[in-house]
Amino acid sequence: MDGGGHMNQMGGGHMNQMGGGMGIAPPPGAFHHRHMMMHMTFFWGKNTEILFHGWPGYNNSGMYALALVVVFLLAVMVEWLSHCNYVKETSNRLAAGLLQTLMYAIRIGLAYMVMLAVMSFNGGVFLVAIAGHTVGFFAFGSRFFKKPSPLAGFAQTSDLPPMSC
């Protein structure tokens, strides 16, 4: 048993294209190449994949714009969840703890989705993620939309919320 035929039956022919150099050519039609390149530096353009396989697709400006809107809204939602106060001081401690934990899980899940979208290394995605976090913080975390209270200045130690990534 020379192993050559065995390797070919188990997909050994695939090694040639992956750099294995076995000299065994794959059967015709074994690979369906999509001209997808994994970027490891920032690039500009609408031909990218964000979050899901094949989304937004290639040569589709409308879907790329929709993907940018989705990333922007995800970032705004992360900031909203970071600054909302739905748990009342008088609530049941167990219910309050469960609600806080659920909201935390949703916030972290959304934050990871934004991070994974940015990891597409698309410059547009990066800019809309930053813009979404900025707009979200301005709307939900800054002093502009908050009613001043006499004790708010003493309780707050920083203008920025703590980073918890």
Protein backbone atom coordinates (compact mmCIF):
# COMPACT_ATOMS: atom_id res chain seq x y z
CA MET A 1 0.00 0.00 0.00
CA ASP A 2 1.69 3.13 -1.18
CA GLY A 3 -0.89 5.49 0.37
CA GLY A 4 -1.16 7.65 -2.74
CA GLY A 5 -4.56 6.33 -3.74
CA HIS A 6 -5.71 6.40 -0.12
CA MET A 7 -4.77 10.07 0.22
CA ASN A 8 -6.57 10.88 -3.01
CA GLN A 9 -9.74 9.19 -1.78
CA MET A 10 -9.63 11.06 1.53
CA GLY A 11 -9.15 14.43 -0.08
CA GLY A 12 -5.38 14.31 -0.34
CA GLY A 13 -5.64 16.10 -3.65
CA HIS A 14 -6.69 19.18 -1.73
CA MET A 15 -3.24 19.37 -0.20
CA ASN A 16 -1.76 20.54 -3.48
CA GLN A 17 -3.74 23.77 -3.46
CA MET A 18 -3.12 24.38 0.23
CA GLY A 19 0.62 24.16 -0.14
CA GLY A 20 1.07 20.48 0.67
CA GLY A 21 2.85 19.94 -2.65
CA MET A 22 1.86 16.29 -3.04
CA GLY A 23 1.50 16.68 -6.80
CA ILE A 24 -2.02 15.23 -6.85
CA ALA A 25 -4.40 17.44 -8.77
CA PRO A 26 -7.98 17.72 -7.50
CA PRO A 27 -10.76 16.50 -9.78
CA PRO A 28 -12.28 19.18 -12.02
CA GLY A 29 -14.98 21.15 -10.24
CA ALA A 30 -13.79 20.13 -6.77
CA PHE A 31 -13.28 23.75 -5.74
CA HIS A 32 -15.65 26.60 -6.29
CA HIS A 33 -13.54 29.68 -5.94
CA ARG A 34 -15.14 32.90 -4.89
CA HIS A 35 -12.76 35.73 -5.31
CA MET A 36 -12.86 36.42 -1.59
CA MET A 37 -9.74 37.70 0.04
CA MET A 38 -9.30 37.97 3.78
CA HIS A 39 -8.08 41.49 4.48
CA MET A 40 -5.74 42.03 7.40
CA THR A 41 -5.43 45.79 6.86
CA PHE A 42 -8.10 48.44 6.42
CA PHE A 43 -9.46 48.79 2.91
CA TRP A 44 -12.13 50.88 1.25
CA GLY A 45 -14.89 49.52 -0.91
CA LYS A 46 -18.26 47.84 -0.93
CA ASN A 47 -17.03 44.35 -1.81
CA THR A 48 -16.76 42.78 1.61
CA GLU A 49 -18.45 40.31 3.93
CA ILE A 50 -19.77 41.58 7.25
CA LEU A 51 -20.97 39.28 10.04
CA PHE A 52 -22.54 36.62 7.79
CA HIS A 53 -21.31 34.59 4.83
CA GLY A 54 -22.17 36.36 1.59
CA TRP A 55 -23.57 39.49 3.25
CA PRO A 56 -23.77 42.19 1.93
CA GLY A 57 -22.43 40.54 -1.22
CA TYR A 58 -20.39 41.86 -4.09
CA ASN A 59 -21.16 44.75 -6.43
CA ASN A 60 -24.32 45.56 -4.48
CA SER A 61 -24.22 49.13 -3.19
CA GLY A 62 -27.71 48.96 -1.68
CA MET A 63 -26.91 45.96 0.50
CA TYR A 64 -23.59 47.52 1.52
CA ALA A 65 -25.43 50.67 2.61
CA LEU A 66 -27.91 48.50 4.56
CA ALA A 67 -24.99 46.71 6.25
CA LEU A 68 -23.54 50.07 7.30
CA VAL A 69 -26.91 51.13 8.73
CA VAL A 70 -27.17 47.84 10.66
CA VAL A 71 -23.68 48.27 12.17
CA PHE A 72 -24.51 51.89 13.08
CA LEU A 73 -27.75 50.85 14.80
CA LEU A 74 -26.02 47.99 16.65
CA ALA A 75 -23.49 50.47 18.05
CA VAL A 76 -26.25 52.89 19.08
CA MET A 77 -28.08 50.03 20.82
CA VAL A 78 -24.91 49.09 22.74
CA GLU A 79 -24.70 52.65 24.07
CA TRP A 80 -28.41 52.74 24.86
CA LEU A 81 -28.16 49.54 26.89
CA SER A 82 -25.04 50.88 28.60
CA HIS A 83 -26.89 53.95 29.88
CA CYS A 84 -30.51 52.92 30.41
CA ASN A 85 -31.89 52.55 33.92
CA TYR A 86 -34.99 50.38 33.90
CA VAL A 87 -34.42 48.65 37.21
CA LYS A 88 -36.10 50.53 40.05
CA GLU A 89 -34.54 50.66 43.51
CA THR A 90 -37.71 49.22 45.05
CA SER A 91 -37.90 46.12 42.78
CA ASN A 92 -37.54 42.56 43.91
CA ARG A 93 -33.81 41.83 44.17
CA LEU A 94 -34.04 38.54 42.28
CA ALA A 95 -36.10 40.01 39.44
CA ALA A 96 -33.84 43.05 39.29
CA GLY A 97 -30.74 40.87 39.19
CA LEU A 98 -32.15 38.68 36.44
CA LEU A 99 -33.20 41.73 34.39
CA GLN A 100 -29.76 43.30 34.80
CA THR A 101 -28.09 40.04 33.78
CA LEU A 102 -30.30 39.69 30.71
CA MET A 103 -29.64 43.29 29.65
CA TYR A 104 -25.91 42.76 30.21
CA ALA A 105 -25.92 39.62 28.04
CA ILE A 106 -27.75 41.43 25.24
CA ARG A 107 -25.40 44.42 25.46
CA ILE A 108 -22.28 42.24 25.36
CA GLY A 109 -23.68 40.19 22.48
CA LEU A 110 -24.38 43.34 20.47
CA ALA A 111 -20.96 44.78 21.33
CA TYR A 112 -19.28 41.59 20.08
CA MET A 113 -21.29 41.80 16.86
CA VAL A 114 -20.03 45.35 16.31
CA MET A 115 -16.48 44.17 17.04
CA LEU A 116 -16.80 41.31 14.56
CA ALA A 117 -18.17 43.69 11.93
CA VAL A 118 -15.17 45.98 12.43
CA MET A 119 -12.92 42.94 12.06
CA SER A 120 -13.96 42.85 8.40
CA PHE A 121 -11.32 45.62 8.15
CA ASN A 122 -13.63 47.66 5.93
CA GLY A 123 -13.02 51.37 6.47
CA GLY A 124 -16.70 52.26 6.07
CA VAL A 125 -17.74 49.72 8.69
CA PHE A 126 -15.12 51.07 11.09
CA LEU A 127 -16.31 54.66 10.62
CA VAL A 128 -20.03 53.86 11.09
CA ALA A 129 -19.27 51.78 14.21
CA ILE A 130 -17.42 54.76 15.73
CA ALA A 131 -20.21 57.10 14.60
CA GLY A 132 -22.86 54.82 16.12
CA HIS A 133 -21.10 54.67 19.47
CA THR A 134 -20.59 58.45 19.37
CA VAL A 135 -24.21 59.26 18.53
CA GLY A 136 -25.42 56.70 21.07
CA PHE A 137 -23.26 58.17 23.81
CA PHE A 138 -24.36 61.70 22.94
CA ALA A 139 -28.03 60.70 23.02
CA PHE A 140 -27.98 58.43 26.08
CA GLY A 141 -24.83 59.12 28.09
CA SER A 142 -23.93 62.77 27.75
CA ARG A 143 -25.23 65.58 29.93
CA PHE A 144 -26.97 67.28 27.02
CA PHE A 145 -30.23 65.32 27.26
CA LYS A 146 -30.20 64.69 31.02
CA LYS A 147 -32.15 66.83 33.45
CA PRO A 148 -29.80 68.34 36.02
CA SER A 149 -30.33 67.22 39.59
CA PRO A 150 -28.80 68.93 42.61
CA LEU A 151 -26.90 65.79 43.71
CA ALA A 152 -25.76 64.63 40.26
CA GLY A 153 -22.54 66.65 40.39
CA PHE A 154 -21.42 65.00 43.63
CA ALA A 155 -22.21 61.40 42.73
CA GLN A 156 -20.51 61.43 39.34
CA THR A 157 -16.74 60.97 39.40
CA SER A 158 -16.13 61.01 35.63
CA ASP A 159 -17.84 62.28 32.53
CA LEU A 160 -17.18 58.99 30.78
CA PRO A 161 -18.71 55.66 31.74
CA PRO A 162 -16.26 52.94 32.69
CA MET A 163 -14.98 50.75 29.90
CA SER A 164 -15.89 47.11 30.42
CA CYS A 165 -14.82 45.05 27.46
